[in-house]
N, C-alpha and C. Protein backbone atom coordinates (compact mmCIF):
# COMPACT_ATOMS: atom_id res chain seq x y z
N MET A 1 35.47 -5.59 -19.98
CA MET A 1 34.87 -6.86 -19.69
C MET A 1 33.37 -6.66 -19.51
N PRO A 2 32.62 -7.09 -20.48
CA PRO A 2 31.18 -6.82 -20.46
C PRO A 2 30.36 -7.79 -19.61
N ILE A 3 29.15 -7.36 -19.33
CA ILE A 3 28.15 -8.21 -18.71
C ILE A 3 27.09 -8.46 -19.77
N TYR A 4 26.88 -9.72 -20.13
CA TYR A 4 25.89 -10.08 -21.14
C TYR A 4 24.63 -10.60 -20.47
N GLU A 5 23.51 -10.36 -21.12
CA GLU A 5 22.24 -10.90 -20.63
C GLU A 5 21.85 -12.08 -21.50
N PHE A 6 21.32 -13.10 -20.86
CA PHE A 6 20.91 -14.31 -21.55
C PHE A 6 19.52 -14.72 -21.08
N PHE A 7 18.87 -15.52 -21.91
CA PHE A 7 17.60 -16.15 -21.53
C PHE A 7 17.82 -17.65 -21.60
N CYS A 8 17.36 -18.35 -20.55
CA CYS A 8 17.47 -19.81 -20.52
C CYS A 8 16.11 -20.39 -20.89
N PRO A 9 15.98 -20.99 -22.07
CA PRO A 9 14.69 -21.57 -22.46
C PRO A 9 14.29 -22.76 -21.59
N ASN A 10 15.27 -23.39 -20.95
CA ASN A 10 14.99 -24.56 -20.12
C ASN A 10 14.23 -24.18 -18.84
N CYS A 11 14.71 -23.17 -18.12
CA CYS A 11 14.06 -22.78 -16.86
C CYS A 11 13.34 -21.44 -16.96
N GLN A 12 13.34 -20.84 -18.16
CA GLN A 12 12.60 -19.60 -18.43
C GLN A 12 13.09 -18.41 -17.60
N ARG A 13 14.38 -18.33 -17.34
CA ARG A 13 14.93 -17.23 -16.55
C ARG A 13 15.81 -16.32 -17.40
N LYS A 14 15.79 -15.07 -17.05
CA LYS A 14 16.70 -14.09 -17.66
C LYS A 14 17.85 -13.92 -16.69
N LEU A 15 19.08 -13.96 -17.18
CA LEU A 15 20.22 -13.84 -16.30
C LEU A 15 21.31 -12.98 -16.92
N SER A 16 22.12 -12.41 -16.05
CA SER A 16 23.26 -11.60 -16.47
C SER A 16 24.53 -12.34 -16.11
N ILE A 17 25.46 -12.38 -17.06
CA ILE A 17 26.71 -13.10 -16.83
C ILE A 17 27.88 -12.19 -17.17
N PHE A 18 28.78 -12.05 -16.22
CA PHE A 18 30.01 -11.30 -16.42
C PHE A 18 30.94 -12.15 -17.28
N VAL A 19 31.42 -11.59 -18.39
CA VAL A 19 32.23 -12.35 -19.34
C VAL A 19 33.61 -11.71 -19.45
N LYS A 20 34.64 -12.52 -19.30
CA LYS A 20 36.01 -12.00 -19.33
C LYS A 20 36.51 -11.72 -20.74
N SER A 21 35.95 -12.42 -21.74
CA SER A 21 36.33 -12.15 -23.13
C SER A 21 35.13 -12.42 -24.02
N ILE A 22 35.16 -11.88 -25.21
CA ILE A 22 34.03 -12.01 -26.14
C ILE A 22 33.74 -13.46 -26.45
N ALA A 23 34.76 -14.27 -26.62
CA ALA A 23 34.57 -15.68 -26.97
C ALA A 23 34.05 -16.51 -25.78
N ALA A 24 34.26 -16.05 -24.58
CA ALA A 24 33.91 -16.84 -23.40
C ALA A 24 32.41 -17.01 -23.21
N TYR A 25 31.59 -16.08 -23.72
CA TYR A 25 30.15 -16.19 -23.47
C TYR A 25 29.53 -17.41 -24.15
N THR A 26 30.20 -17.97 -25.17
CA THR A 26 29.66 -19.16 -25.83
C THR A 26 29.71 -20.39 -24.92
N GLU A 27 30.52 -20.31 -23.86
CA GLU A 27 30.64 -21.41 -22.92
C GLU A 27 29.76 -21.22 -21.69
N ALA A 28 28.94 -20.18 -21.67
CA ALA A 28 28.13 -19.86 -20.50
C ALA A 28 27.05 -20.92 -20.29
N THR A 29 26.81 -21.23 -19.01
CA THR A 29 25.74 -22.15 -18.63
C THR A 29 24.84 -21.48 -17.61
N CYS A 30 23.60 -21.91 -17.56
CA CYS A 30 22.63 -21.35 -16.63
C CYS A 30 23.01 -21.76 -15.21
N PRO A 31 23.17 -20.80 -14.31
CA PRO A 31 23.52 -21.14 -12.94
C PRO A 31 22.37 -21.78 -12.16
N TYR A 32 21.14 -21.71 -12.71
CA TYR A 32 19.98 -22.26 -12.02
C TYR A 32 19.72 -23.72 -12.39
N CYS A 33 19.80 -24.02 -13.71
CA CYS A 33 19.47 -25.39 -14.13
C CYS A 33 20.63 -26.10 -14.82
N GLY A 34 21.72 -25.38 -15.11
CA GLY A 34 22.88 -25.99 -15.73
C GLY A 34 22.82 -26.12 -17.23
N SER A 35 21.76 -25.63 -17.85
CA SER A 35 21.61 -25.72 -19.31
C SER A 35 22.67 -24.88 -20.01
N GLY A 36 23.18 -25.39 -21.11
CA GLY A 36 24.13 -24.65 -21.94
C GLY A 36 23.46 -24.06 -23.16
N GLU A 37 22.16 -24.15 -23.25
CA GLU A 37 21.39 -23.66 -24.40
C GLU A 37 20.88 -22.24 -24.17
N LEU A 38 21.74 -21.35 -23.76
CA LEU A 38 21.34 -19.98 -23.48
C LEU A 38 21.21 -19.17 -24.76
N VAL A 39 20.26 -18.25 -24.75
CA VAL A 39 20.04 -17.34 -25.87
C VAL A 39 20.48 -15.95 -25.42
N ARG A 40 21.39 -15.36 -26.17
CA ARG A 40 21.89 -14.04 -25.79
C ARG A 40 20.83 -12.99 -26.13
N LEU A 41 20.61 -12.08 -25.19
CA LEU A 41 19.61 -11.02 -25.35
C LEU A 41 20.29 -9.70 -25.68
N MET A 42 19.53 -8.81 -26.30
CA MET A 42 19.99 -7.45 -26.52
C MET A 42 19.79 -6.70 -25.21
N SER A 43 20.84 -6.14 -24.67
CA SER A 43 20.79 -5.47 -23.37
C SER A 43 20.47 -4.00 -23.52
N ASN A 44 19.87 -3.44 -22.46
CA ASN A 44 19.66 -2.01 -22.39
C ASN A 44 20.98 -1.34 -22.04
N PHE A 45 21.08 -0.08 -22.33
CA PHE A 45 22.26 0.67 -21.95
C PHE A 45 21.83 2.08 -21.60
N GLY A 46 22.67 2.77 -20.90
CA GLY A 46 22.36 4.14 -20.51
C GLY A 46 23.49 5.07 -20.88
N ILE A 47 23.14 6.32 -21.00
CA ILE A 47 24.13 7.34 -21.29
C ILE A 47 24.06 8.35 -20.15
N SER A 48 25.19 8.58 -19.51
CA SER A 48 25.22 9.55 -18.41
C SER A 48 25.38 10.95 -18.97
N ARG A 49 24.60 11.85 -18.42
CA ARG A 49 24.72 13.25 -18.80
C ARG A 49 24.70 14.09 -17.55
N THR A 50 25.39 15.19 -17.63
CA THR A 50 25.32 16.14 -16.53
C THR A 50 24.13 17.06 -16.78
N ILE A 51 23.64 17.69 -15.74
CA ILE A 51 22.54 18.63 -15.92
C ILE A 51 22.96 19.74 -16.87
N LYS A 52 24.21 20.16 -16.76
CA LYS A 52 24.72 21.21 -17.65
C LYS A 52 24.64 20.78 -19.12
N SER A 53 25.06 19.53 -19.42
CA SER A 53 25.03 19.09 -20.82
C SER A 53 23.60 18.97 -21.33
N VAL A 54 22.67 18.57 -20.47
CA VAL A 54 21.26 18.50 -20.88
C VAL A 54 20.74 19.88 -21.19
N HIS A 55 21.05 20.85 -20.31
CA HIS A 55 20.61 22.22 -20.55
C HIS A 55 21.23 22.80 -21.82
N GLU A 56 22.49 22.48 -22.08
CA GLU A 56 23.14 22.98 -23.29
C GLU A 56 22.49 22.39 -24.53
N GLU A 57 22.16 21.12 -24.49
CA GLU A 57 21.59 20.45 -25.66
C GLU A 57 20.12 20.81 -25.87
N PHE A 58 19.38 20.97 -24.78
CA PHE A 58 17.94 21.18 -24.89
C PHE A 58 17.51 22.48 -24.21
N SER A 59 18.28 23.55 -24.37
CA SER A 59 18.00 24.76 -23.62
C SER A 59 17.05 25.73 -24.30
N ASN A 60 16.77 25.56 -25.57
CA ASN A 60 15.93 26.50 -26.28
C ASN A 60 14.50 25.99 -26.38
N PRO A 61 13.56 26.55 -25.60
CA PRO A 61 12.18 26.08 -25.65
C PRO A 61 11.51 26.25 -27.00
N ASN A 62 12.08 27.09 -27.87
CA ASN A 62 11.51 27.28 -29.19
C ASN A 62 12.01 26.23 -30.19
N SER A 63 12.97 25.43 -29.78
CA SER A 63 13.50 24.38 -30.65
C SER A 63 12.56 23.17 -30.63
N PRO A 64 12.33 22.55 -31.79
CA PRO A 64 11.48 21.35 -31.80
C PRO A 64 12.08 20.19 -31.00
N ASP A 65 13.38 20.21 -30.75
CA ASP A 65 14.03 19.14 -29.98
C ASP A 65 13.91 19.34 -28.48
N TYR A 66 13.48 20.53 -28.04
CA TYR A 66 13.43 20.85 -26.62
C TYR A 66 12.59 19.83 -25.84
N TYR A 67 11.45 19.44 -26.36
CA TYR A 67 10.56 18.55 -25.63
C TYR A 67 10.83 17.08 -25.88
N LYS A 68 11.92 16.77 -26.61
CA LYS A 68 12.35 15.37 -26.71
C LYS A 68 12.85 14.88 -25.35
N ASP A 69 13.29 15.80 -24.53
CA ASP A 69 13.69 15.48 -23.17
C ASP A 69 12.48 15.80 -22.28
N PRO A 70 11.77 14.77 -21.77
CA PRO A 70 10.54 15.03 -21.02
C PRO A 70 10.76 15.85 -19.75
N ARG A 71 12.00 15.90 -19.27
CA ARG A 71 12.28 16.71 -18.08
C ARG A 71 12.03 18.19 -18.34
N ASN A 72 12.17 18.60 -19.62
CA ASN A 72 11.96 20.01 -19.94
C ASN A 72 10.52 20.44 -19.76
N ILE A 73 9.59 19.55 -19.93
CA ILE A 73 8.18 19.90 -19.71
C ILE A 73 8.00 20.30 -18.25
N GLY A 74 8.56 19.51 -17.34
CA GLY A 74 8.49 19.83 -15.92
C GLY A 74 9.19 21.14 -15.60
N ARG A 75 10.34 21.38 -16.23
CA ARG A 75 11.07 22.63 -15.99
C ARG A 75 10.23 23.82 -16.41
N TRP A 76 9.57 23.69 -17.56
CA TRP A 76 8.74 24.78 -18.08
C TRP A 76 7.58 25.05 -17.13
N VAL A 77 6.92 23.98 -16.66
CA VAL A 77 5.79 24.13 -15.74
C VAL A 77 6.25 24.77 -14.44
N GLU A 78 7.38 24.29 -13.89
CA GLU A 78 7.90 24.88 -12.66
C GLU A 78 8.22 26.36 -12.85
N LYS A 79 8.81 26.69 -13.98
CA LYS A 79 9.16 28.08 -14.26
C LYS A 79 7.91 28.96 -14.31
N LYS A 80 6.85 28.48 -14.96
CA LYS A 80 5.62 29.26 -15.08
C LYS A 80 4.96 29.47 -13.71
N PHE A 81 4.98 28.45 -12.86
CA PHE A 81 4.43 28.62 -11.52
C PHE A 81 5.24 29.63 -10.72
N ARG A 82 6.58 29.59 -10.85
CA ARG A 82 7.43 30.57 -10.16
C ARG A 82 7.11 31.99 -10.64
N GLU A 83 6.96 32.15 -11.96
CA GLU A 83 6.65 33.47 -12.52
C GLU A 83 5.33 34.01 -11.99
N MET A 84 4.37 33.11 -11.72
CA MET A 84 3.08 33.53 -11.18
C MET A 84 3.10 33.67 -9.67
N GLY A 85 4.23 33.31 -9.03
CA GLY A 85 4.33 33.39 -7.59
C GLY A 85 3.52 32.33 -6.87
N GLU A 86 3.27 31.23 -7.55
CA GLU A 86 2.47 30.13 -7.00
C GLU A 86 3.35 28.91 -6.75
N GLU A 87 2.89 28.06 -5.83
CA GLU A 87 3.54 26.77 -5.63
C GLU A 87 2.95 25.76 -6.59
N VAL A 88 3.77 24.80 -7.01
CA VAL A 88 3.30 23.74 -7.89
C VAL A 88 2.36 22.83 -7.09
N PRO A 89 1.11 22.63 -7.57
CA PRO A 89 0.19 21.74 -6.85
C PRO A 89 0.77 20.33 -6.70
N SER A 90 0.41 19.64 -5.62
CA SER A 90 1.00 18.34 -5.32
C SER A 90 0.76 17.33 -6.44
N GLN A 91 -0.42 17.35 -7.06
CA GLN A 91 -0.71 16.40 -8.15
C GLN A 91 0.21 16.66 -9.35
N VAL A 92 0.44 17.92 -9.65
CA VAL A 92 1.34 18.28 -10.76
C VAL A 92 2.77 17.91 -10.39
N ARG A 93 3.17 18.17 -9.13
CA ARG A 93 4.51 17.83 -8.66
C ARG A 93 4.77 16.34 -8.81
N GLU A 94 3.76 15.50 -8.45
CA GLU A 94 3.91 14.05 -8.58
C GLU A 94 4.12 13.64 -10.03
N MET A 95 3.37 14.26 -10.96
CA MET A 95 3.54 13.92 -12.38
C MET A 95 4.91 14.34 -12.90
N ILE A 96 5.39 15.52 -12.47
CA ILE A 96 6.71 15.99 -12.89
C ILE A 96 7.79 15.04 -12.37
N ASP A 97 7.70 14.68 -11.09
CA ASP A 97 8.70 13.78 -10.51
C ASP A 97 8.68 12.41 -11.18
N ALA A 98 7.48 11.90 -11.49
CA ALA A 98 7.36 10.61 -12.17
C ALA A 98 7.97 10.69 -13.57
N ALA A 99 7.73 11.80 -14.28
CA ALA A 99 8.30 11.97 -15.62
C ALA A 99 9.82 12.00 -15.56
N ARG A 100 10.37 12.61 -14.51
CA ARG A 100 11.82 12.65 -14.37
C ARG A 100 12.40 11.26 -14.12
N GLU A 101 11.58 10.37 -13.60
CA GLU A 101 12.01 8.98 -13.39
C GLU A 101 11.70 8.11 -14.60
N GLY A 102 11.12 8.70 -15.66
CA GLY A 102 10.87 7.96 -16.90
C GLY A 102 9.45 7.45 -17.06
N GLU A 103 8.55 7.79 -16.14
CA GLU A 103 7.17 7.34 -16.25
C GLU A 103 6.33 8.41 -16.94
N MET A 104 5.59 7.99 -17.98
CA MET A 104 4.74 8.94 -18.66
C MET A 104 3.50 9.24 -17.82
N PRO A 105 3.09 10.51 -17.74
CA PRO A 105 1.87 10.83 -17.02
C PRO A 105 0.66 10.15 -17.67
N GLY A 106 -0.36 9.84 -16.87
CA GLY A 106 -1.57 9.16 -17.35
C GLY A 106 -2.18 9.78 -18.59
N PRO A 107 -2.39 11.11 -18.63
CA PRO A 107 -2.99 11.71 -19.83
C PRO A 107 -2.16 11.47 -21.09
N VAL A 108 -0.84 11.44 -20.96
CA VAL A 108 0.01 11.18 -22.13
C VAL A 108 -0.14 9.72 -22.57
N LYS A 109 -0.20 8.80 -21.59
CA LYS A 109 -0.37 7.38 -21.91
C LYS A 109 -1.67 7.16 -22.67
N GLU A 110 -2.73 7.87 -22.26
CA GLU A 110 -4.02 7.72 -22.92
C GLU A 110 -3.96 8.19 -24.37
N LEU A 111 -3.17 9.22 -24.64
CA LEU A 111 -3.02 9.72 -26.01
C LEU A 111 -2.23 8.75 -26.88
N GLN A 112 -1.35 7.96 -26.25
CA GLN A 112 -0.50 7.03 -26.98
C GLN A 112 -0.85 5.60 -26.59
N SER A 113 -2.06 5.18 -26.89
CA SER A 113 -2.52 3.86 -26.46
C SER A 113 -1.73 2.72 -27.10
N ASN A 114 -1.06 2.97 -28.22
CA ASN A 114 -0.30 1.92 -28.88
C ASN A 114 1.12 1.78 -28.31
N VAL A 115 1.52 2.65 -27.38
CA VAL A 115 2.85 2.59 -26.78
C VAL A 115 2.76 1.74 -25.53
N LYS A 116 3.60 0.74 -25.45
CA LYS A 116 3.63 -0.16 -24.30
C LYS A 116 4.72 0.26 -23.35
N GLU A 117 4.41 0.34 -22.07
CA GLU A 117 5.41 0.68 -21.06
C GLU A 117 5.97 -0.61 -20.49
N LEU A 118 7.29 -0.69 -20.41
CA LEU A 118 7.93 -1.88 -19.90
C LEU A 118 8.28 -1.72 -18.45
């Protein structure tokens, strides 16, 4: 039983509606204004992975796919600091933690000015 996202052009709201069957969403109405003119949106989705599966898939730093997972950049930096016997500076730690949450570091954003962050 899916949850569909809709946009109501009448009140300009985005809403999520739990639908019991595929055909039922055509009868959906806006809970805010009562409009039946809802537009179905393409929803985001996520894929759950274990840390083990991520390491198995992206474990070779020499592979061109290794850095498709931005978390690996942080892992590499942390590893290099450990090898040097140094602590990760707080500014670097903040960027690594932000990248793990899906936020691109400022210098990367500047390199990709045509990429919009949502």
